[in-house]
Amino acid sequence: MTYPILETERLLLRQLTLHDTKDLFEYFSLDEVMEYYDLETFKTLEDAENVIQLFNKEFEEGKGFRWAIELKSEKKVIGTCGYHNWHKEHFKAEIGYELNPKFWKKSYMKEAILPILIFGLETMKLHRVEAFIDPANISSEKLLLSLGFSEEGTMRDFFFEKGKFVDAKIFGLLNI
């Protein structure tokens, strides 16, 4: 399968390449971005290369898609978003995303996720899209609610991240 390219007014959503390493490192190396992420803050460009290769491997293995969010006006990758934990037999996948803080509070993530949701529901034939977030991540919660997700509860000590157990709020969107 060819990697799907999606486009919005301001954004080009495309496959990540190693040419995007510096753009990803720019924000994956910031503690404020990694606070709610299940990876340690990046220390080297190799960390960014490894995550690009991981995202592309998931696509090659049919486990998901992770699009680069490229700002058309600057030809710069400002974040990523996409699906992982794709369970085709259950018609569901988990959505994930992150954004360079320089571009927070400008509706870029909502603009990026809308075509990805359409792709997931129509092309991937998803019935359910899930999102797991840290209960303290209010911005992510507001984003999900604005996209039509419903809060379904909090799972206590659901993930073990960065040496400790953390709760996860689960949100779901059904294709009904």
Protein backbone atom coordinates (compact mmCIF):
# COMPACT_ATOMS: atom_id res chain seq x y z
CA MET A 1 0.00 0.00 0.00
CA THR A 2 1.21 3.47 -0.85
CA TYR A 3 1.38 5.80 2.14
CA PRO A 4 -1.72 8.00 2.06
CA ILE A 5 -1.12 11.74 1.71
CA LEU A 6 -3.79 13.96 3.23
CA GLU A 7 -4.04 17.71 2.85
CA THR A 8 -5.80 20.58 4.60
CA GLU A 9 -5.73 24.32 4.03
CA ARG A 10 -2.51 24.81 6.03
CA LEU A 11 -1.11 21.30 6.39
CA LEU A 12 0.31 18.43 4.38
CA LEU A 13 0.01 15.06 6.13
CA ARG A 14 2.55 12.61 4.74
CA GLN A 15 4.92 9.81 5.64
CA LEU A 16 7.85 10.70 7.87
CA THR A 17 11.33 10.43 6.37
CA LEU A 18 14.79 10.74 7.86
CA HIS A 19 14.88 14.25 6.36
CA ASP A 20 12.44 15.15 9.17
CA THR A 21 14.90 14.17 11.92
CA LYS A 22 15.90 17.72 12.93
CA ASP A 23 12.30 18.96 12.98
CA LEU A 24 11.23 16.09 15.25
CA PHE A 25 14.26 16.46 17.49
CA GLU A 26 13.49 20.17 17.90
CA TYR A 27 10.39 19.40 19.95
CA PHE A 28 10.87 15.78 21.12
CA SER A 29 13.90 17.14 23.01
CA LEU A 30 11.66 19.39 25.13
CA ASP A 31 10.45 18.16 28.52
CA GLU A 32 7.15 20.05 28.11
CA VAL A 33 6.34 17.94 25.02
CA MET A 34 7.42 14.67 26.58
CA GLU A 35 5.63 15.21 29.90
CA TYR A 36 2.66 13.10 28.78
CA TYR A 37 4.49 10.99 26.19
CA ASP A 38 5.53 7.40 26.84
CA LEU A 39 9.13 8.03 25.76
CA GLU A 40 12.00 9.77 27.48
CA THR A 41 12.97 13.26 26.30
CA PHE A 42 15.24 12.90 23.26
CA LYS A 43 18.93 13.56 23.84
CA THR A 44 20.32 12.89 20.36
CA LEU A 45 19.30 13.10 16.70
CA GLU A 46 19.54 9.31 16.68
CA ASP A 47 16.56 9.21 19.08
CA ALA A 48 14.51 11.08 16.47
CA GLU A 49 15.74 8.80 13.67
CA ASN A 50 14.72 5.77 15.73
CA VAL A 51 11.17 7.03 16.30
CA ILE A 52 10.77 7.80 12.58
CA GLN A 53 11.90 4.26 11.77
CA LEU A 54 9.53 2.84 14.40
CA PHE A 55 6.54 4.74 13.00
CA ASN A 56 7.38 3.62 9.45
CA LYS A 57 7.86 0.01 10.57
CA GLU A 58 4.35 0.03 12.08
CA PHE A 59 3.02 1.09 8.67
CA GLU A 60 5.02 -1.58 6.82
CA GLU A 61 3.70 -4.24 9.21
CA GLY A 62 0.09 -3.06 8.80
CA LYS A 63 -0.17 -1.98 12.44
CA GLY A 64 -0.88 1.70 11.89
CA PHE A 65 -0.10 5.02 10.29
CA ARG A 66 1.80 7.99 11.71
CA TRP A 67 1.66 11.08 9.54
CA ALA A 68 4.14 13.94 9.58
CA ILE A 69 2.25 17.20 10.06
CA GLU A 70 4.01 19.55 7.67
CA LEU A 71 3.20 23.24 7.75
CA LYS A 72 2.86 24.07 4.06
CA SER A 73 3.96 27.70 4.42
CA GLU A 74 7.28 26.71 6.03
CA LYS A 75 7.82 23.18 4.66
CA LYS A 76 8.50 22.21 8.28
CA VAL A 77 7.26 19.24 10.28
CA ILE A 78 5.54 20.64 13.36
CA GLY A 79 4.18 17.37 14.78
CA THR A 80 2.88 13.91 14.04
CA CYS A 81 -0.43 12.15 14.45
CA GLY A 82 -1.94 8.86 13.51
CA TYR A 83 -3.07 5.40 14.48
CA HIS A 84 -1.35 2.62 16.39
CA ASN A 85 -2.59 -0.53 18.11
CA TRP A 86 -4.72 -1.17 15.03
CA HIS A 87 -6.82 -4.28 15.65
CA LYS A 88 -8.37 -4.98 12.27
CA GLU A 89 -10.38 -7.93 13.58
CA HIS A 90 -12.06 -5.59 16.08
CA PHE A 91 -12.33 -2.60 13.69
CA LYS A 92 -10.55 -0.31 16.15
CA ALA A 93 -7.32 1.64 16.55
CA GLU A 94 -5.77 4.08 19.00
CA ILE A 95 -5.01 7.63 17.96
CA GLY A 96 -1.94 9.52 19.12
CA TYR A 97 -0.39 12.90 18.41
CA GLU A 98 2.09 15.52 19.51
CA LEU A 99 2.94 19.04 18.38
CA ASN A 100 5.87 21.42 18.59
CA PRO A 101 4.98 23.95 21.36
CA LYS A 102 5.73 26.86 18.99
CA PHE A 103 2.49 25.85 17.24
CA TRP A 104 0.26 25.15 20.25
CA LYS A 105 -3.11 26.91 20.57
CA LYS A 106 -3.44 27.60 16.81
CA SER A 107 -5.84 24.71 15.99
CA TYR A 108 -3.22 22.85 13.94
CA MET A 109 -3.81 19.54 15.69
CA LYS A 110 -7.56 19.65 15.24
CA GLU A 111 -7.02 20.52 11.57
CA ALA A 112 -4.68 17.53 11.20
CA ILE A 113 -6.82 15.01 13.06
CA LEU A 114 -10.06 15.69 11.17
CA PRO A 115 -8.89 14.18 7.84
CA ILE A 116 -7.17 11.37 9.73
CA LEU A 117 -10.45 10.50 11.46
CA ILE A 118 -12.22 10.47 8.09
CA PHE A 119 -9.47 8.24 6.67
CA GLY A 120 -9.74 5.89 9.65
CA LEU A 121 -13.51 5.61 9.59
CA GLU A 122 -13.90 5.38 5.81
CA THR A 123 -10.72 3.79 4.41
CA MET A 124 -9.54 1.73 7.39
CA LYS A 125 -13.16 0.81 8.16
CA LEU A 126 -12.73 1.59 11.86
CA HIS A 127 -15.79 1.32 14.04
CA ARG A 128 -13.98 2.63 17.14
CA VAL A 129 -11.15 5.10 17.64
CA GLU A 130 -9.63 5.22 21.13
CA ALA A 131 -7.38 7.74 22.85
CA PHE A 132 -5.60 7.28 26.16
CA ILE A 133 -4.39 10.45 27.85
CA ASP A 134 -2.91 11.49 31.16
CA PRO A 135 -5.73 12.92 33.33
CA ALA A 136 -3.65 16.09 33.81
CA ASN A 137 -3.41 16.72 30.05
CA ILE A 138 -6.32 19.17 29.86
CA SER A 139 -5.40 20.46 26.38
CA SER A 140 -5.59 16.96 24.94
CA GLU A 141 -8.89 16.32 26.69
CA LYS A 142 -10.38 19.54 25.24
CA LEU A 143 -9.14 18.57 21.77
CA LEU A 144 -10.70 15.10 21.92
CA LEU A 145 -14.03 16.41 23.20
CA SER A 146 -14.09 19.04 20.43
CA LEU A 147 -13.62 16.22 17.88
CA GLY A 148 -16.65 14.33 19.17
CA PHE A 149 -14.89 11.81 21.42
CA SER A 150 -16.64 10.77 24.64
CA GLU A 151 -14.84 10.33 27.94
CA GLU A 152 -15.35 6.72 29.01
CA GLY A 153 -13.53 6.62 32.33
CA THR A 154 -10.19 6.58 34.10
CA MET A 155 -8.08 3.46 34.39
CA ARG A 156 -5.90 3.55 37.46
CA ASP A 157 -2.20 2.69 37.12
CA PHE A 158 -2.87 1.68 33.51
CA PHE A 159 0.61 2.41 32.13
CA PHE A 160 4.11 2.08 33.57
CA GLU A 161 6.03 5.06 32.22
CA LYS A 162 9.30 6.67 33.20
CA GLY A 163 9.63 4.48 36.29
CA LYS A 164 6.13 4.88 37.71
CA PHE A 165 2.54 3.77 37.24
CA VAL A 166 0.25 6.37 35.71
CA ASP A 167 -3.50 6.63 35.26
CA ALA A 168 -5.08 6.94 31.83
CA LYS A 169 -8.33 8.58 30.85
CA ILE A 170 -9.89 6.75 27.93
CA PHE A 171 -11.86 8.50 25.22
CA GLY A 172 -13.74 6.81 22.40
CA LEU A 173 -15.28 7.80 19.10
CA LEU A 174 -17.70 5.39 17.43
CA ASN A 175 -18.55 5.26 13.75
CA ILE A 176 -22.33 5.00 14.07
